[in-house]
Amino acid sequence: MPQNEYIERAQKLHGKRLDTEERARKKAAREGHKQSENAQNLRGLRAKLYAKERHHQKIQMRKQIKQHEERNVKGNAQEKEPTNPVPAYLLDRANPTTAKALSSQIKNKRAEKAARFSVPIPKVKGISEEELFKVVKTGKKVAKKAWKRVVTKPTFVGPDFTRRPVKYERFIRPMGLRYKKANVTHPTLNVTVQLPILGVKKNPSNPLYTQLGVLTKGTIIEVNVSDLGIVTASGKIAWGRYAQITNNPENDGCLNAVLLV
């Protein structure tokens, strides 16, 4: 049995309390009072964050109400003077205006589809190759052509990584800038856990940076979430999940990321 299903199992074996529905109804009724109390008593940054969250909830609620109102809109088009003469058999025919309701449904579907692939930081500043790479000019042959580069940003290399021979190595990733773990925050549970990195999925700046495993702000990484006990739809414990880096690792000395759920 997955470790998070003990409540469901107990309910199946012993049933629920007789007043479960009544308690749930009362709890839902108290929510409004609780929100009002928080809005009045919170101060400082917490108050700002709470107000922003409530504002977002109200916008979503208004959109939903408007969508329900528009769902079954079937009214006659506005009476206008026809520019061309209309035959007698078309005079009493009504033209339902369902275009508005249809367009709102399409917009909603597109928004839901986009939300599945949304990330905490949608836009990041690009990093140029001049900033990322430092030219190595040591040695007789290298000094003439200057084809070696040292990566100046934090990187991730797998456990099976072996450096190429020095003669053929083009990109040097210093040991001091290699990371193996990240501080990953679960957005719904509000829990931060240090998890091992499995790989770099995508660096938005450049495909070459993805190949080299460069870790910059906005990079999508894969982390091992087996310790969190996240369960898939089939009941198996999830192993790898994607997360997005939210800080500048070269400035902070650590990797902070948000799990994409």
Protein backbone atom coordinates (compact mmCIF):
# COMPACT_ATOMS: atom_id res chain seq x y z
CA MET A 1 0.00 0.00 0.00
CA PRO A 2 1.37 3.46 -0.84
CA GLN A 3 2.38 5.34 2.30
CA ASN A 4 -0.17 8.16 1.82
CA GLU A 5 -3.35 6.03 1.61
CA TYR A 6 -3.78 5.07 5.28
CA ILE A 7 -6.71 7.50 5.72
CA GLU A 8 -8.62 6.02 2.76
CA ARG A 9 -7.92 2.52 4.07
CA ALA A 10 -9.24 3.37 7.54
CA GLN A 11 -12.38 4.87 6.02
CA LYS A 12 -12.98 1.73 3.95
CA LEU A 13 -12.51 -0.54 7.00
CA HIS A 14 -14.35 1.43 9.68
CA GLY A 15 -16.42 4.02 7.78
CA LYS A 16 -16.67 7.76 8.46
CA ARG A 17 -18.03 9.65 11.44
CA LEU A 18 -21.79 10.21 11.40
CA ASP A 19 -21.37 13.99 11.43
CA THR A 20 -18.65 14.14 8.73
CA GLU A 21 -20.76 16.03 6.20
CA GLU A 22 -22.02 18.49 8.83
CA ARG A 23 -18.47 19.20 10.03
CA ALA A 24 -17.29 19.73 6.45
CA ARG A 25 -20.18 22.13 5.80
CA LYS A 26 -19.40 24.13 8.95
CA LYS A 27 -15.70 24.25 8.09
CA ALA A 28 -16.50 25.58 4.63
CA ALA A 29 -18.82 28.18 6.18
CA ARG A 30 -16.01 29.34 8.52
CA GLU A 31 -13.56 29.85 5.63
CA GLY A 32 -14.94 33.29 4.82
CA HIS A 33 -14.50 34.47 8.43
CA LYS A 34 -10.96 33.08 8.53
CA GLN A 35 -10.00 34.86 5.30
CA SER A 36 -11.49 38.11 6.59
CA GLU A 37 -9.56 37.80 9.85
CA ASN A 38 -6.29 37.18 8.00
CA ALA A 39 -6.88 40.13 5.69
CA GLN A 40 -7.41 42.44 8.71
CA ASN A 41 -4.62 41.18 10.99
CA LEU A 42 -1.69 40.24 8.73
CA ARG A 43 1.08 42.82 8.48
CA GLY A 44 4.11 43.48 6.30
CA LEU A 45 5.24 41.06 3.60
CA ARG A 46 2.76 38.37 4.66
CA ALA A 47 -0.09 40.83 4.15
CA LYS A 48 1.18 41.70 0.66
CA LEU A 49 1.50 38.05 -0.36
CA TYR A 50 -1.93 37.23 1.08
CA ALA A 51 -3.56 40.18 -0.71
CA LYS A 52 -1.93 39.15 -3.99
CA GLU A 53 -3.17 35.56 -3.59
CA ARG A 54 -6.73 36.71 -2.77
CA HIS A 55 -6.70 39.10 -5.73
CA HIS A 56 -5.72 36.24 -8.04
CA GLN A 57 -8.47 34.01 -6.58
CA LYS A 58 -11.12 36.70 -7.09
CA ILE A 59 -10.07 37.21 -10.71
CA GLN A 60 -10.36 33.47 -11.36
CA MET A 61 -13.76 33.35 -9.63
CA ARG A 62 -15.10 36.26 -11.69
CA LYS A 63 -13.84 34.64 -14.89
CA GLN A 64 -15.56 31.38 -13.95
CA ILE A 65 -18.86 33.15 -13.14
CA LYS A 66 -18.68 35.04 -16.43
CA GLN A 67 -17.99 31.82 -18.28
CA HIS A 68 -21.05 30.15 -16.70
CA GLU A 69 -23.17 33.14 -17.68
CA GLU A 70 -21.91 33.04 -21.27
CA ARG A 71 -22.16 29.27 -21.63
CA ASN A 72 -25.77 29.16 -22.73
CA VAL A 73 -25.99 32.56 -24.38
CA LYS A 74 -28.41 32.31 -27.27
CA GLY A 75 -29.94 35.64 -28.03
CA ASN A 76 -31.18 37.26 -31.18
CA ALA A 77 -28.78 39.48 -33.03
CA GLN A 78 -29.34 43.19 -32.63
CA GLU A 79 -32.06 44.48 -34.86
CA LYS A 80 -30.47 46.46 -37.64
CA GLU A 81 -31.72 47.80 -40.89
CA PRO A 82 -30.79 45.18 -43.53
CA THR A 83 -28.64 46.61 -46.30
CA ASN A 84 -29.89 44.02 -48.78
CA PRO A 85 -33.54 43.02 -49.17
CA VAL A 86 -34.44 39.83 -47.26
CA PRO A 87 -36.92 37.27 -48.65
CA ALA A 88 -40.21 36.83 -46.83
CA TYR A 89 -39.40 33.30 -45.63
CA LEU A 90 -36.25 34.60 -43.83
CA LEU A 91 -37.87 37.52 -42.02
CA ASP A 92 -38.88 35.60 -38.89
CA ARG A 93 -35.71 33.48 -38.65
CA ALA A 94 -33.56 34.17 -35.56
CA ASN A 95 -29.76 34.26 -35.73
CA PRO A 96 -28.42 32.95 -32.39
CA THR A 97 -25.24 34.67 -31.26
CA THR A 98 -23.19 31.83 -29.79
CA ALA A 99 -19.88 33.15 -31.08
CA LYS A 100 -19.02 34.87 -27.79
CA ALA A 101 -19.62 31.76 -25.71
CA LEU A 102 -17.65 29.66 -28.18
CA SER A 103 -14.67 32.01 -28.17
CA SER A 104 -14.55 32.04 -24.35
CA GLN A 105 -14.57 28.22 -24.29
CA ILE A 106 -11.69 28.08 -26.77
CA LYS A 107 -9.73 30.63 -24.72
CA ASN A 108 -10.33 28.59 -21.56
CA LYS A 109 -9.12 25.37 -23.19
CA ARG A 110 -5.99 27.10 -24.45
CA ALA A 111 -5.30 28.53 -20.99
CA GLU A 112 -5.70 25.09 -19.38
CA LYS A 113 -3.35 23.54 -21.95
CA ALA A 114 -0.77 26.27 -21.38
CA ALA A 115 -1.03 25.86 -17.58
CA ARG A 116 0.14 22.24 -17.87
CA PHE A 117 3.46 23.41 -19.28
CA SER A 118 3.83 26.59 -17.22
CA VAL A 119 6.96 27.17 -15.15
CA PRO A 120 7.60 29.48 -12.15
CA ILE A 121 10.02 31.69 -14.15
CA PRO A 122 8.76 31.92 -17.75
CA LYS A 123 11.39 34.43 -18.97
CA VAL A 124 15.07 34.58 -18.08
CA LYS A 125 17.95 36.76 -19.19
CA GLY A 126 20.16 35.07 -21.79
CA ILE A 127 23.83 34.41 -21.03
CA SER A 128 26.38 35.10 -23.74
CA GLU A 129 29.25 32.75 -24.52
CA GLU A 130 31.74 35.50 -23.64
CA GLU A 131 30.32 35.57 -20.10
CA LEU A 132 30.10 31.79 -19.70
CA PHE A 133 33.43 30.72 -21.19
CA LYS A 134 36.93 31.89 -20.33
CA VAL A 135 39.64 31.33 -22.92
CA VAL A 136 42.60 29.17 -21.80
CA LYS A 137 45.91 30.33 -23.19
CA THR A 138 48.37 28.04 -21.39
CA GLY A 139 50.73 25.76 -23.30
CA LYS A 140 52.50 26.22 -26.60
CA LYS A 141 49.87 24.84 -28.98
CA VAL A 142 46.87 26.19 -27.05
CA ALA A 143 48.28 29.73 -26.80
CA LYS A 144 48.53 30.04 -30.58
CA LYS A 145 44.97 28.95 -31.45
CA ALA A 146 43.16 29.48 -28.10
CA TRP A 147 40.55 26.74 -28.63
CA LYS A 148 40.18 25.65 -24.99
CA ARG A 149 37.45 27.09 -22.75
CA VAL A 150 36.84 27.04 -18.98
CA VAL A 151 33.18 27.12 -17.89
CA THR A 152 32.76 29.92 -15.32
CA LYS A 153 29.24 28.95 -14.16
CA PRO A 154 28.09 26.06 -11.91
CA THR A 155 27.64 22.77 -13.75
CA PHE A 156 26.33 19.26 -13.19
CA VAL A 157 28.15 16.16 -14.39
CA GLY A 158 26.87 12.62 -13.89
CA PRO A 159 28.43 10.08 -11.52
CA ASP A 160 29.92 8.12 -14.46
CA PHE A 161 31.64 11.19 -15.94
CA THR A 162 35.25 10.77 -17.04
CA ARG A 163 37.33 13.65 -18.36
CA ARG A 164 38.70 13.37 -21.84
CA PRO A 165 42.49 13.40 -22.31
CA VAL A 166 43.87 16.90 -21.77
CA LYS A 167 45.08 17.02 -25.33
CA TYR A 168 41.54 16.63 -26.72
CA GLU A 169 39.51 18.36 -24.00
CA ARG A 170 37.73 21.46 -25.34
CA PHE A 171 35.52 22.50 -22.37
CA ILE A 172 36.89 22.37 -18.82
CA ARG A 173 34.33 22.19 -15.99
CA PRO A 174 36.10 22.99 -12.68
CA MET A 175 35.53 20.61 -9.77
CA GLY A 176 34.77 23.52 -7.41
CA LEU A 177 31.75 24.58 -9.52
CA ARG A 178 30.12 21.16 -9.81
CA TYR A 179 26.84 20.57 -7.96
CA LYS A 180 25.24 17.26 -7.05
CA LYS A 181 22.27 18.34 -4.89
CA ALA A 182 19.58 21.02 -4.97
CA ASN A 183 17.23 22.54 -2.38
CA VAL A 184 13.86 21.75 -3.97
CA THR A 185 10.61 23.32 -2.75
CA HIS A 186 7.27 21.55 -3.27
CA PRO A 187 4.78 24.34 -4.23
CA THR A 188 1.65 22.74 -2.76
CA LEU A 189 3.16 21.15 0.37
CA ASN A 190 5.40 24.21 1.08
CA VAL A 191 8.24 21.88 2.05
CA THR A 192 11.91 22.31 1.05
CA VAL A 193 14.07 19.19 0.77
CA GLN A 194 17.63 18.66 -0.42
CA LEU A 195 17.45 16.20 -3.31
CA PRO A 196 20.13 14.69 -5.59
CA ILE A 197 20.22 15.93 -9.19
CA LEU A 198 19.73 13.31 -11.91
CA GLY A 199 20.39 15.49 -14.97
CA VAL A 200 19.90 18.80 -16.77
CA LYS A 201 16.79 18.72 -18.97
CA LYS A 202 17.02 22.14 -20.61
CA ASN A 203 18.95 25.38 -20.26
CA PRO A 204 16.88 28.13 -21.95
CA SER A 205 19.93 30.18 -22.95
CA ASN A 206 21.59 27.74 -25.35
CA PRO A 207 21.41 24.03 -26.35
CA LEU A 208 25.20 23.84 -25.86
CA TYR A 209 24.74 24.84 -22.19
CA THR A 210 22.24 21.98 -21.79
CA GLN A 211 24.77 19.54 -23.23
CA LEU A 212 27.48 20.82 -20.85
CA GLY A 213 25.08 20.70 -17.86
CA VAL A 214 25.35 24.42 -17.02
CA LEU A 215 23.14 25.43 -14.07
CA THR A 216 21.78 28.97 -14.37
CA LYS A 217 18.55 30.70 -13.33
CA GLY A 218 15.57 29.21 -15.17
CA THR A 219 17.26 25.89 -16.03
CA ILE A 220 15.03 22.80 -15.88
CA ILE A 221 16.71 19.97 -13.95
CA GLU A 222 15.61 16.45 -13.06
CA VAL A 223 15.75 15.53 -9.38
CA ASN A 224 15.28 12.29 -7.44
CA VAL A 225 11.99 12.61 -5.49
CA SER A 226 11.78 9.04 -4.20
CA ASP A 227 12.30 10.29 -0.60
CA LEU A 228 9.24 12.57 -0.84
CA GLY A 229 6.90 9.62 -1.38
CA ILE A 230 5.15 11.13 -4.43
CA VAL A 231 2.87 8.46 -5.91
CA THR A 232 1.90 8.10 -9.57
CA ALA A 233 -1.63 7.41 -10.82
CA SER A 234 -0.91 3.66 -10.90
CA GLY A 235 0.14 3.65 -7.22
CA LYS A 236 3.91 3.42 -7.76
CA ILE A 237 6.35 5.77 -6.03
CA ALA A 238 7.67 8.40 -8.45
CA TRP A 239 11.44 8.50 -8.92
CA GLY A 240 12.36 11.47 -11.14
CA ARG A 241 10.60 14.83 -11.41
CA TYR A 242 11.49 18.10 -13.12
CA ALA A 243 12.26 21.29 -11.19
CA GLN A 244 13.23 24.82 -12.24
CA ILE A 245 16.16 26.70 -10.70
CA THR A 246 14.97 29.98 -9.16
CA ASN A 247 18.22 31.58 -7.96
CA ASN A 248 21.65 32.47 -9.32
CA PRO A 249 23.84 29.57 -8.03
CA GLU A 250 27.13 31.37 -8.74
CA ASN A 251 26.08 34.18 -6.35
CA ASP A 252 24.45 32.11 -3.58
CA GLY A 253 26.69 29.04 -3.49
CA CYS A 254 23.67 26.69 -3.52
CA LEU A 255 20.93 25.52 -5.87
CA ASN A 256 17.32 26.51 -5.08
CA ALA A 257 14.58 25.07 -7.26
CA VAL A 258 10.78 24.71 -7.42
CA LEU A 259 9.26 21.35 -8.28
CA LEU A 260 7.07 21.31 -11.40
CA VAL A 261 3.90 19.44 -10.39
